[in-house]
Amino acid sequence: APEGKRGVYGSVVQLGVPIGVVTANTVFLLAGAFTSDAQFA
């Protein structure tokens, strides 16, 4: 990070958490939408 922007640069790593949550939830929603309950299990 350049001087005075360590917080901003560090936050790009923290963004991995909501991105991970969004992606994981999206994939599970799609998996559930395209399968029956029995197929999902």
Full PDB file with SEQRES, HELIX, SHEET, SSBOND, CRYST1, ORIGX, SCALE, CONECT and MASTER records, all heavy atoms in Angstrom:
SEQRES   1 A   41  ALA PRO GLU GLY LYS ARG GLY VAL TYR GLY SER VAL VAL          
SEQRES   2 A   41  GLN LEU GLY VAL PRO ILE GLY VAL VAL THR ALA ASN THR          
SEQRES   3 A   41  VAL PHE LEU LEU ALA GLY ALA PHE THR SER ASP ALA GLN          
SEQRES   4 A   41  PHE ALA                                                      
HELIX    1 AA1 ARG A    6  GLN A   14  1                                   9    
HELIX    2 AA2 GLY A   16  ALA A   33  1                                  18    
HELIX    3 AA3 ASP A   37  PHE A   40  1                                   4    
CRYST1    1.000    1.000    1.000  90.00  90.00  90.00 P 1           1          
ORIGX1      1.000000  0.000000  0.000000        0.00000                         
ORIGX2      0.000000  1.000000  0.000000        0.00000                         
ORIGX3      0.000000  0.000000  1.000000        0.00000                         
SCALE1      1.000000  0.000000  0.000000        0.00000                         
SCALE2      0.000000  1.000000  0.000000        0.00000                         
SCALE3      0.000000  0.000000  1.000000        0.00000                         
ATOM      1  N   ALA A   1       0.822  -1.214   0.000  1.00  0.00           N  
ATOM      2  CA  ALA A   1       0.000   0.000   0.000  1.00  0.00           C  
ATOM      3  C   ALA A   1       0.852   1.257   0.000  1.00  0.00           C  
ATOM      4  O   ALA A   1       1.890   1.318   0.667  1.00  0.00           O  
ATOM      5  CB  ALA A   1      -0.915  -0.001   1.225  1.00  0.00           C  
ATOM      6  N   PRO A   2       0.421   2.300  -0.740  1.00  0.00           N  
ATOM      7  CA  PRO A   2       1.105   3.597  -0.649  1.00  0.00           C  
ATOM      8  C   PRO A   2       0.831   4.251   0.698  1.00  0.00           C  
ATOM      9  O   PRO A   2      -0.104   3.878   1.410  1.00  0.00           O  
ATOM     10  CB  PRO A   2       0.484   4.395  -1.796  1.00  0.00           C  
ATOM     11  CG  PRO A   2      -0.843   3.768  -2.023  1.00  0.00           C  
ATOM     12  CD  PRO A   2      -0.676   2.311  -1.701  1.00  0.00           C  
ATOM     13  N   GLU A   3       1.622   5.223   1.040  1.00  0.00           N  
ATOM     14  CA  GLU A   3       1.492   5.907   2.329  1.00  0.00           C  
ATOM     15  C   GLU A   3       0.087   6.495   2.482  1.00  0.00           C  
ATOM     16  O   GLU A   3      -0.448   7.119   1.573  1.00  0.00           O  
ATOM     17  CB  GLU A   3       2.521   7.045   2.416  1.00  0.00           C  
ATOM     18  CG  GLU A   3       2.682   7.618   3.809  1.00  0.00           C  
ATOM     19  CD  GLU A   3       3.352   6.629   4.761  1.00  0.00           C  
ATOM     20  OE1 GLU A   3       4.260   5.896   4.331  1.00  0.00           O  
ATOM     21  OE2 GLU A   3       2.955   6.603   5.933  1.00  0.00           O  
ATOM     22  N   GLY A   4      -0.512   6.238   3.649  1.00  0.00           N  
ATOM     23  CA  GLY A   4      -1.812   6.805   3.949  1.00  0.00           C  
ATOM     24  C   GLY A   4      -2.988   6.028   3.398  1.00  0.00           C  
ATOM     25  O   GLY A   4      -4.139   6.452   3.550  1.00  0.00           O  
ATOM     26  N   LYS A   5      -2.748   4.868   2.756  1.00  0.00           N  
ATOM     27  CA  LYS A   5      -3.846   4.097   2.177  1.00  0.00           C  
ATOM     28  C   LYS A   5      -3.809   2.630   2.601  1.00  0.00           C  
ATOM     29  O   LYS A   5      -4.365   1.775   1.922  1.00  0.00           O  
ATOM     30  CB  LYS A   5      -3.826   4.199   0.649  1.00  0.00           C  
ATOM     31  CG  LYS A   5      -4.137   5.598   0.136  1.00  0.00           C  
ATOM     32  CD  LYS A   5      -4.290   5.613  -1.369  1.00  0.00           C  
ATOM     33  CE  LYS A   5      -4.686   6.995  -1.852  1.00  0.00           C  
ATOM     34  NZ  LYS A   5      -4.860   7.026  -3.334  1.00  0.00           N  
ATOM     35  N   ARG A   6      -3.158   2.356   3.707  1.00  0.00           N  
ATOM     36  CA  ARG A   6      -3.065   0.965   4.156  1.00  0.00           C  
ATOM     37  C   ARG A   6      -4.434   0.401   4.506  1.00  0.00           C  
ATOM     38  O   ARG A   6      -4.710  -0.769   4.263  1.00  0.00           O  
ATOM     39  CB  ARG A   6      -2.120   0.883   5.360  1.00  0.00           C  
ATOM     40  CG  ARG A   6      -1.976  -0.511   5.925  1.00  0.00           C  
ATOM     41  CD  ARG A   6      -0.875  -0.581   6.960  1.00  0.00           C  
ATOM     42  NE  ARG A   6       0.372  -1.011   6.357  1.00  0.00           N  
ATOM     43  CZ  ARG A   6       1.550  -0.947   6.960  1.00  0.00           C  
ATOM     44  NH1 ARG A   6       1.637  -0.416   8.171  1.00  0.00           N  
ATOM     45  NH2 ARG A   6       2.635  -1.363   6.371  1.00  0.00           N  
ATOM     46  N   GLY A   7      -5.303   1.214   5.065  1.00  0.00           N  
ATOM     47  CA  GLY A   7      -6.644   0.738   5.395  1.00  0.00           C  
ATOM     48  C   GLY A   7      -7.407   0.324   4.158  1.00  0.00           C  
ATOM     49  O   GLY A   7      -8.030  -0.741   4.122  1.00  0.00           O  
ATOM     50  N   VAL A   8      -7.378   1.162   3.124  1.00  0.00           N  
ATOM     51  CA  VAL A   8      -8.094   0.857   1.883  1.00  0.00           C  
ATOM     52  C   VAL A   8      -7.539  -0.401   1.236  1.00  0.00           C  
ATOM     53  O   VAL A   8      -8.288  -1.276   0.789  1.00  0.00           O  
ATOM     54  CB  VAL A   8      -8.018   2.047   0.907  1.00  0.00           C  
ATOM     55  CG1 VAL A   8      -8.561   1.652  -0.456  1.00  0.00           C  
ATOM     56  CG2 VAL A   8      -8.794   3.238   1.455  1.00  0.00           C  
ATOM     57  N   TYR A   9      -6.206  -0.499   1.157  1.00  0.00           N  
ATOM     58  CA  TYR A   9      -5.604  -1.678   0.533  1.00  0.00           C  
ATOM     59  C   TYR A   9      -5.892  -2.943   1.349  1.00  0.00           C  
ATOM     60  O   TYR A   9      -6.126  -4.014   0.786  1.00  0.00           O  
ATOM     61  CB  TYR A   9      -4.095  -1.471   0.365  1.00  0.00           C  
ATOM     62  CG  TYR A   9      -3.732  -0.827  -0.953  1.00  0.00           C  
ATOM     63  CD1 TYR A   9      -4.083   0.490  -1.222  1.00  0.00           C  
ATOM     64  CD2 TYR A   9      -3.057  -1.529  -1.937  1.00  0.00           C  
ATOM     65  CE1 TYR A   9      -3.771   1.092  -2.427  1.00  0.00           C  
ATOM     66  CE2 TYR A   9      -2.734  -0.938  -3.153  1.00  0.00           C  
ATOM     67  CZ  TYR A   9      -3.089   0.374  -3.396  1.00  0.00           C  
ATOM     68  OH  TYR A   9      -2.790   0.959  -4.605  1.00  0.00           O  
ATOM     69  N   GLY A  10      -5.869  -2.827   2.664  1.00  0.00           N  
ATOM     70  CA  GLY A  10      -6.199  -3.983   3.492  1.00  0.00           C  
ATOM     71  C   GLY A  10      -7.640  -4.417   3.315  1.00  0.00           C  
ATOM     72  O   GLY A  10      -7.968  -5.602   3.408  1.00  0.00           O  
ATOM     73  N   SER A  11      -8.524  -3.466   3.009  1.00  0.00           N  
ATOM     74  CA  SER A  11      -9.943  -3.797   2.887  1.00  0.00           C  
ATOM     75  C   SER A  11     -10.243  -4.660   1.667  1.00  0.00           C  
ATOM     76  O   SER A  11     -11.269  -5.336   1.635  1.00  0.00           O  
ATOM     77  CB  SER A  11     -10.790  -2.516   2.824  1.00  0.00           C  
ATOM     78  OG  SER A  11     -10.645  -1.844   1.584  1.00  0.00           O  
ATOM     79  N   VAL A  12      -9.350  -4.642   0.647  1.00  0.00           N  
ATOM     80  CA  VAL A  12      -9.629  -5.488  -0.523  1.00  0.00           C  
ATOM     81  C   VAL A  12      -9.578  -6.962  -0.132  1.00  0.00           C  
ATOM     82  O   VAL A  12     -10.287  -7.793  -0.714  1.00  0.00           O  
ATOM     83  CB  VAL A  12      -8.657  -5.203  -1.696  1.00  0.00           C  
ATOM     84  CG1 VAL A  12      -8.711  -3.752  -2.112  1.00  0.00           C  
ATOM     85  CG2 VAL A  12      -7.233  -5.630  -1.377  1.00  0.00           C  
ATOM     86  N   VAL A  13      -8.744  -7.291   0.860  1.00  0.00           N  
ATOM     87  CA  VAL A  13      -8.704  -8.667   1.356  1.00  0.00           C  
ATOM     88  C   VAL A  13      -9.959  -8.956   2.172  1.00  0.00           C  
ATOM     89  O   VAL A  13     -10.551 -10.038   2.072  1.00  0.00           O  
ATOM     90  CB  VAL A  13      -7.434  -8.899   2.194  1.00  0.00           C  
ATOM     91  CG1 VAL A  13      -7.447 -10.282   2.829  1.00  0.00           C  
ATOM     92  CG2 VAL A  13      -6.196  -8.737   1.323  1.00  0.00           C  
ATOM     93  N   GLN A  14     -10.390  -7.982   2.967  1.00  0.00           N  
ATOM     94  CA  GLN A  14     -11.607  -8.162   3.756  1.00  0.00           C  
ATOM     95  C   GLN A  14     -12.831  -8.356   2.869  1.00  0.00           C  
ATOM     96  O   GLN A  14     -13.799  -9.017   3.262  1.00  0.00           O  
ATOM     97  CB  GLN A  14     -11.820  -6.957   4.678  1.00  0.00           C  
ATOM     98  CG  GLN A  14     -10.605  -6.565   5.529  1.00  0.00           C  
ATOM     99  CD  GLN A  14     -10.197  -7.634   6.511  1.00  0.00           C  
ATOM    100  OE1 GLN A  14      -9.684  -8.672   6.130  1.00  0.00           O  
ATOM    101  NE2 GLN A  14     -10.433  -7.386   7.781  1.00  0.00           N  
ATOM    102  N   LEU A  15     -12.796  -7.778   1.662  1.00  0.00           N  
ATOM    103  CA  LEU A  15     -13.912  -7.952   0.736  1.00  0.00           C  
ATOM    104  C   LEU A  15     -14.094  -9.404   0.317  1.00  0.00           C  
ATOM    105  O   LEU A  15     -15.167  -9.789  -0.168  1.00  0.00           O  
ATOM    106  CB  LEU A  15     -13.715  -7.079  -0.509  1.00  0.00           C  
ATOM    107  CG  LEU A  15     -13.914  -5.579  -0.330  1.00  0.00           C  
ATOM    108  CD1 LEU A  15     -13.575  -4.846  -1.623  1.00  0.00           C  
ATOM    109  CD2 LEU A  15     -15.332  -5.258   0.100  1.00  0.00           C  
ATOM    110  N   GLY A  16     -13.039 -10.204   0.497  1.00  0.00           N  
ATOM    111  CA  GLY A  16     -13.146 -11.618   0.169  1.00  0.00           C  
ATOM    112  C   GLY A  16     -14.244 -12.309   0.947  1.00  0.00           C  
ATOM    113  O   GLY A  16     -14.860 -13.270   0.444  1.00  0.00           O  
ATOM    114  N   VAL A  17     -14.531 -11.831   2.149  1.00  0.00           N  
ATOM    115  CA  VAL A  17     -15.579 -12.461   2.972  1.00  0.00           C  
ATOM    116  C   VAL A  17     -16.968 -12.269   2.350  1.00  0.00           C  
ATOM    117  O   VAL A  17     -17.665 -13.247   2.077  1.00  0.00           O  
ATOM    118  CB  VAL A  17     -15.518 -11.950   4.418  1.00  0.00           C  
ATOM    119  CG1 VAL A  17     -16.737 -12.415   5.191  1.00  0.00           C  
ATOM    120  CG2 VAL A  17     -14.245 -12.446   5.092  1.00  0.00           C  
ATOM    121  N   PRO A  18     -17.429 -11.014   2.119  1.00  0.00           N  
ATOM    122  CA  PRO A  18     -18.747 -10.892   1.490  1.00  0.00           C  
ATOM    123  C   PRO A  18     -18.805 -11.475   0.082  1.00  0.00           C  
ATOM    124  O   PRO A  18     -19.839 -12.023  -0.314  1.00  0.00           O  
ATOM    125  CB  PRO A  18     -19.000  -9.380   1.469  1.00  0.00           C  
ATOM    126  CG  PRO A  18     -17.675  -8.742   1.641  1.00  0.00           C  
ATOM    127  CD  PRO A  18     -16.880  -9.688   2.483  1.00  0.00           C  
ATOM    128  N   ILE A  19     -17.699 -11.378  -0.670  1.00  0.00           N  
ATOM    129  CA  ILE A  19     -17.692 -11.990  -2.004  1.00  0.00           C  
ATOM    130  C   ILE A  19     -17.848 -13.498  -1.880  1.00  0.00           C  
ATOM    131  O   ILE A  19     -18.602 -14.133  -2.634  1.00  0.00           O  
ATOM    132  CB  ILE A  19     -16.392 -11.637  -2.761  1.00  0.00           C  
ATOM    133  CG1 ILE A  19     -16.372 -10.154  -3.107  1.00  0.00           C  
ATOM    134  CG2 ILE A  19     -16.266 -12.471  -4.038  1.00  0.00           C  
ATOM    135  CD1 ILE A  19     -15.055  -9.673  -3.688  1.00  0.00           C  
ATOM    136  N   GLY A  20     -17.147 -14.082  -0.911  1.00  0.00           N  
ATOM    137  CA  GLY A  20     -17.268 -15.518  -0.681  1.00  0.00           C  
ATOM    138  C   GLY A  20     -18.675 -15.912  -0.271  1.00  0.00           C  
ATOM    139  O   GLY A  20     -19.214 -16.928  -0.737  1.00  0.00           O  
ATOM    140  N   VAL A  21     -19.283 -15.112   0.604  1.00  0.00           N  
ATOM    141  CA  VAL A  21     -20.649 -15.396   1.047  1.00  0.00           C  
ATOM    142  C   VAL A  21     -21.631 -15.283  -0.117  1.00  0.00           C  
ATOM    143  O   VAL A  21     -22.488 -16.156  -0.324  1.00  0.00           O  
ATOM    144  CB  VAL A  21     -21.064 -14.436   2.178  1.00  0.00           C  
ATOM    145  CG1 VAL A  21     -22.547 -14.604   2.509  1.00  0.00           C  
ATOM    146  CG2 VAL A  21     -20.228 -14.691   3.426  1.00  0.00           C  
ATOM    147  N   VAL A  22     -21.515 -14.202  -0.885  1.00  0.00           N  
ATOM    148  CA  VAL A  22     -22.418 -13.993  -2.019  1.00  0.00           C  
ATOM    149  C   VAL A  22     -22.285 -15.136  -3.016  1.00  0.00           C  
ATOM    150  O   VAL A  22     -23.291 -15.700  -3.489  1.00  0.00           O  
ATOM    151  CB  VAL A  22     -22.115 -12.644  -2.709  1.00  0.00           C  
ATOM    152  CG1 VAL A  22     -22.830 -12.554  -4.051  1.00  0.00           C  
ATOM    153  CG2 VAL A  22     -22.547 -11.489  -1.820  1.00  0.00           C  
ATOM    154  N   THR A  23     -21.052 -15.491  -3.339  1.00  0.00           N  
ATOM    155  CA  THR A  23     -20.830 -16.552  -4.318  1.00  0.00           C  
ATOM    156  C   THR A  23     -21.341 -17.896  -3.807  1.00  0.00           C  
ATOM    157  O   THR A  23     -22.008 -18.646  -4.537  1.00  0.00           O  
ATOM    158  CB  THR A  23     -19.337 -16.662  -4.668  1.00  0.00           C  
ATOM    159  OG1 THR A  23     -18.832 -15.370  -4.997  1.00  0.00           O  
ATOM    160  CG2 THR A  23     -19.122 -17.583  -5.853  1.00  0.00           C  
ATOM    161  N   ALA A  24     -21.040 -18.211  -2.545  1.00  0.00           N  
ATOM    162  CA  ALA A  24     -21.486 -19.488  -1.979  1.00  0.00           C  
ATOM    163  C   ALA A  24     -23.006 -19.568  -1.934  1.00  0.00           C  
ATOM    164  O   ALA A  24     -23.603 -20.592  -2.304  1.00  0.00           O  
ATOM    165  CB  ALA A  24     -20.899 -19.664  -0.579  1.00  0.00           C  
ATOM    166  N   ASN A  25     -23.658 -18.496  -1.498  1.00  0.00           N  
ATOM    167  CA  ASN A  25     -25.116 -18.488  -1.452  1.00  0.00           C  
ATOM    168  C   ASN A  25     -25.727 -18.584  -2.846  1.00  0.00           C  
ATOM    169  O   ASN A  25     -26.726 -19.281  -3.056  1.00  0.00           O  
ATOM    170  CB  ASN A  25     -25.618 -17.222  -0.744  1.00  0.00           C  
ATOM    171  CG  ASN A  25     -25.614 -17.338   0.761  1.00  0.00           C  
ATOM    172  OD1 ASN A  25     -26.478 -17.953   1.352  1.00  0.00           O  
ATOM    173  ND2 ASN A  25     -24.611 -16.753   1.387  1.00  0.00           N  
ATOM    174  N   THR A  26     -25.120 -17.868  -3.805  1.00  0.00           N  
ATOM    175  CA  THR A  26     -25.628 -17.893  -5.170  1.00  0.00           C  
ATOM    176  C   THR A  26     -25.548 -19.298  -5.756  1.00  0.00           C  
ATOM    177  O   THR A  26     -26.510 -19.794  -6.370  1.00  0.00           O  
ATOM    178  CB  THR A  26     -24.839 -16.921  -6.059  1.00  0.00           C  
ATOM    179  OG1 THR A  26     -24.987 -15.590  -5.555  1.00  0.00           O  
ATOM    180  CG2 THR A  26     -25.341 -16.959  -7.496  1.00  0.00           C  
ATOM    181  N   VAL A  27     -24.407 -19.949  -5.556  1.00  0.00           N  
ATOM    182  CA  VAL A  27     -24.233 -21.292  -6.107  1.00  0.00           C  
ATOM    183  C   VAL A  27     -25.205 -22.272  -5.453  1.00  0.00           C  
ATOM    184  O   VAL A  27     -25.797 -23.127  -6.126  1.00  0.00           O  
ATOM    185  CB  VAL A  27     -22.776 -21.759  -5.950  1.00  0.00           C  
ATOM    186  CG1 VAL A  27     -22.621 -23.212  -6.382  1.00  0.00           C  
ATOM    187  CG2 VAL A  27     -21.848 -20.877  -6.775  1.00  0.00           C  
ATOM    188  N   PHE A  28     -25.414 -22.150  -4.145  1.00  0.00           N  
ATOM    189  CA  PHE A  28     -26.374 -23.027  -3.474  1.00  0.00           C  
ATOM    190  C   PHE A  28     -27.804 -22.751  -3.938  1.00  0.00           C  
ATOM    191  O   PHE A  28     -28.607 -23.680  -4.107  1.00  0.00           O  
ATOM    192  CB  PHE A  28     -26.276 -22.879  -1.951  1.00  0.00           C  
ATOM    193  CG  PHE A  28     -25.395 -23.907  -1.311  1.00  0.00           C  
ATOM    194  CD1 PHE A  28     -24.111 -23.594  -0.925  1.00  0.00           C  
ATOM    195  CD2 PHE A  28     -25.844 -25.205  -1.102  1.00  0.00           C  
ATOM    196  CE1 PHE A  28     -23.285 -24.543  -0.337  1.00  0.00           C  
ATOM    197  CE2 PHE A  28     -25.034 -26.157  -0.522  1.00  0.00           C  
ATOM    198  CZ  PHE A  28     -23.745 -25.832  -0.136  1.00  0.00           C  
ATOM    199  N   LEU A  29     -28.123 -21.465  -4.141  1.00  0.00           N  
ATOM    200  CA  LEU A  29     -29.456 -21.140  -4.646  1.00  0.00           C  
ATOM    201  C   LEU A  29     -29.678 -21.734  -6.031  1.00  0.00           C  
ATOM    202  O   LEU A  29     -30.748 -22.287  -6.328  1.00  0.00           O  
ATOM    203  CB  LEU A  29     -29.637 -19.618  -4.698  1.00  0.00           C  
ATOM    204  CG  LEU A  29     -29.956 -18.926  -3.370  1.00  0.00           C  
ATOM    205  CD1 LEU A  29     -29.844 -17.414  -3.524  1.00  0.00           C  
ATOM    206  CD2 LEU A  29     -31.359 -19.301  -2.894  1.00  0.00           C  
ATOM    207  N   LEU A  30     -28.677 -21.628  -6.905  1.00  0.00           N  
ATOM    208  CA  LEU A  30     -28.784 -22.194  -8.245  1.00  0.00           C  
ATOM    209  C   LEU A  30     -28.886 -23.714  -8.199  1.00  0.00           C  
ATOM    210  O   LEU A  30     -29.676 -24.329  -8.928  1.00  0.00           O  
ATOM    211  CB  LEU A  30     -27.589 -21.766  -9.090  1.00  0.00           C  
ATOM    212  CG  LEU A  30     -27.532 -20.280  -9.470  1.00  0.00           C  
ATOM    213  CD1 LEU A  30     -26.219 -19.959 -10.169  1.00  0.00           C  
ATOM    214  CD2 LEU A  30     -28.719 -19.914 -10.357  1.00  0.00           C  
ATOM    215  N   ALA A  31     -28.078 -24.327  -7.324  1.00  0.00           N  
ATOM    216  CA  ALA A  31     -28.132 -25.785  -7.195  1.00  0.00           C  
ATOM    217  C   ALA A  31     -29.511 -26.236  -6.729  1.00  0.00           C  
ATOM    218  O   ALA A  31     -30.052 -27.235  -7.214  1.00  0.00           O  
ATOM    219  CB  ALA A  31     -27.059 -26.261  -6.223  1.00  0.00           C  
ATOM    220  N   GLY A  32     -30.100 -25.473  -5.790  1.00  0.00           N  
ATOM    221  CA  GLY A  32     -31.439 -25.810  -5.315  1.00  0.00           C  
ATOM    222  C   GLY A  32     -32.514 -25.554  -6.353  1.00  0.00           C  
ATOM    223  O   GLY A  32     -33.497 -26.294  -6.448  1.00  0.00           O  
ATOM    224  N   ALA A  33     -32.317 -24.487  -7.162  1.00  0.00           N  
ATOM    225  CA  ALA A  33     -33.322 -24.130  -8.168  1.00  0.00           C  
ATOM    226  C   ALA A  33     -33.382 -25.146  -9.298  1.00  0.00           C  
ATOM    227  O   ALA A  33     -34.452 -25.369  -9.888  1.00  0.00           O  
ATOM    228  CB  ALA A  33     -33.027 -22.740  -8.725  1.00  0.00           C  
ATOM    229  N   PHE A  34     -32.262 -25.746  -9.644  1.00  0.00           N  
ATOM    230  CA  PHE A  34     -32.201 -26.654 -10.792  1.00  0.00           C  
ATOM    231  C   PHE A  34     -32.270 -28.135 -10.397  1.00  0.00           C  
ATOM    232  O   PHE A  34     -32.068 -29.008 -11.231  1.00  0.00           O  
ATOM    233  CB  PHE A  34     -30.934 -26.391 -11.601  1.00  0.00           C  
ATOM    234  CG  PHE A  34     -30.983 -25.119 -12.384  1.00  0.00           C  
ATOM    235  CD1 PHE A  34     -30.374 -23.970 -11.900  1.00  0.00           C  
ATOM    236  CD2 PHE A  34     -31.667 -25.052 -13.586  1.00  0.00           C  
ATOM    237  CE1 PHE A  34     -30.423 -22.775 -12.621  1.00  0.00           C  
ATOM    238  CE2 PHE A  34     -31.725 -23.869 -14.314  1.00  0.00           C  
ATOM    239  CZ  PHE A  34     -31.108 -22.717 -13.827  1.00  0.00           C  
ATOM    240  N   THR A  35     -32.535 -28.390  -9.120  1.00  0.00           N  
ATOM    241  CA  THR A  35     -32.681 -29.785  -8.675  1.00  0.00           C  
ATOM    242  C   THR A  35     -33.902 -29.898  -7.777  1.00  0.00           C  
ATOM    243  O   THR A  35     -34.322 -28.921  -7.138  1.00  0.00           O  
ATOM    244  CB  THR A  35     -31.441 -30.259  -7.887  1.00  0.00           C  
ATOM    245  OG1 THR A  35     -31.273 -29.432  -6.720  1.00  0.00           O  
ATOM    246  CG2 THR A  35     -30.181 -30.210  -8.735  1.00  0.00           C  
ATOM    247  N   SER A  36     -34.455 -31.085  -7.714  1.00  0.00           N  
ATOM    248  CA  SER A  36     -35.515 -31.355  -6.741  1.00  0.00           C  
ATOM    249  C   SER A  36     -34.882 -31.537  -5.367  1.00  0.00           C  
ATOM    250  O   SER A  36     -33.653 -31.626  -5.247  1.00  0.00           O  
ATOM    251  CB  SER A  36     -36.266 -32.632  -7.132  1.00  0.00           C  
ATOM    252  OG  SER A  36     -35.397 -33.752  -7.050  1.00  0.00           O  
ATOM    253  N   ASP A  37     -35.707 -31.612  -4.328  1.00  0.00           N  
ATOM    254  CA  ASP A  37     -35.161 -31.818  -2.982  1.00  0.00           C  
ATOM    255  C   ASP A  37     -34.359 -33.115  -2.914  1.00  0.00           C  
ATOM    256  O   ASP A  37     -33.301 -33.171  -2.282  1.00  0.00           O  
ATOM    257  CB  ASP A  37     -36.297 -31.848  -1.953  1.00  0.00           C  
ATOM    258  CG  ASP A  37     -36.915 -30.476  -1.730  1.00  0.00           C  
ATOM    259  OD1 ASP A  37     -36.300 -29.473  -2.149  1.00  0.00           O  
ATOM    260  OD2 ASP A  37     -38.020 -30.418  -1.154  1.00  0.00           O  
ATOM    261  N   ALA A  38     -34.868 -34.150  -3.564  1.00  0.00           N  
ATOM    262  CA  ALA A  38     -34.164 -35.435  -3.546  1.00  0.00           C  
ATOM    263  C   ALA A  38     -32.845 -35.358  -4.305  1.00  0.00           C  
ATOM    264  O   ALA A  38     -31.828 -35.899  -3.863  1.00  0.00           O  
ATOM    265  CB  ALA A  38     -35.055 -36.525  -4.152  1.00  0.00           C  
ATOM    266  N   GLN A  39     -32.853 -34.688  -5.452  1.00  0.00           N  
ATOM    267  CA  GLN A  39     -31.618 -34.527  -6.230  1.00  0.00           C  
ATOM    268  C   GLN A  39     -30.603 -33.661  -5.489  1.00  0.00           C  
ATOM    269  O   GLN A  39     -29.404 -33.940  -5.522  1.00  0.00           O  
ATOM    270  CB  GLN A  39     -31.936 -33.910  -7.588  1.00  0.00           C  
ATOM    271  CG  GLN A  39     -32.678 -34.840  -8.537  1.00  0.00           C  
ATOM    272  CD  GLN A  39     -33.157 -34.109  -9.774  1.00  0.00           C  
ATOM    273  OE1 GLN A  39     -33.465 -32.913  -9.750  1.00  0.00           O  
ATOM    274  NE2 GLN A  39     -33.232 -34.841 -10.893  1.00  0.00           N  
ATOM    275  N   PHE A  40     -31.091 -32.619  -4.822  1.00  0.00           N  
ATOM    276  CA  PHE A  40     -30.182 -31.750  -4.069  1.00  0.00           C  
ATOM    277  C   PHE A  40     -29.494 -32.540  -2.965  1.00  0.00           C  
ATOM    278  O   PHE A  40     -28.282 -32.417  -2.751  1.00  0.00           O  
ATOM    279  CB  PHE A  40     -30.947 -30.575  -3.462  1.00  0.00           C  
ATOM    280  CG  PHE A  40     -30.076 -29.603  -2.720  1.00  0.00           C  
ATOM    281  CD1 PHE A  40     -29.370 -28.621  -3.395  1.00  0.00           C  
ATOM    282  CD2 PHE A  40     -29.956 -29.663  -1.328  1.00  0.00           C  
ATOM    283  CE1 PHE A  40     -28.550 -27.721  -2.714  1.00  0.00           C  
ATOM    284  CE2 PHE A  40     -29.149 -28.771  -0.636  1.00  0.00           C  
ATOM    285  CZ  PHE A  40     -28.448 -27.800  -1.337  1.00  0.00           C  
ATOM    286  N   ALA A  41     -30.263 -33.373  -2.245  1.00  0.00           N  
ATOM    287  CA  ALA A  41     -29.688 -34.182  -1.168  1.00  0.00           C  
ATOM    288  C   ALA A  41     -28.751 -35.247  -1.713  1.00  0.00           C  
ATOM    289  O   ALA A  41     -27.765 -35.607  -1.057  1.00  0.00           O  
ATOM    290  CB  ALA A  41     -30.802 -34.831  -0.349  1.00  0.00           C  
TER     291      ALA A  41                                                      
MASTER        0    0    0    3    0    0    0    6  290    1    0    4          
END                                                                             
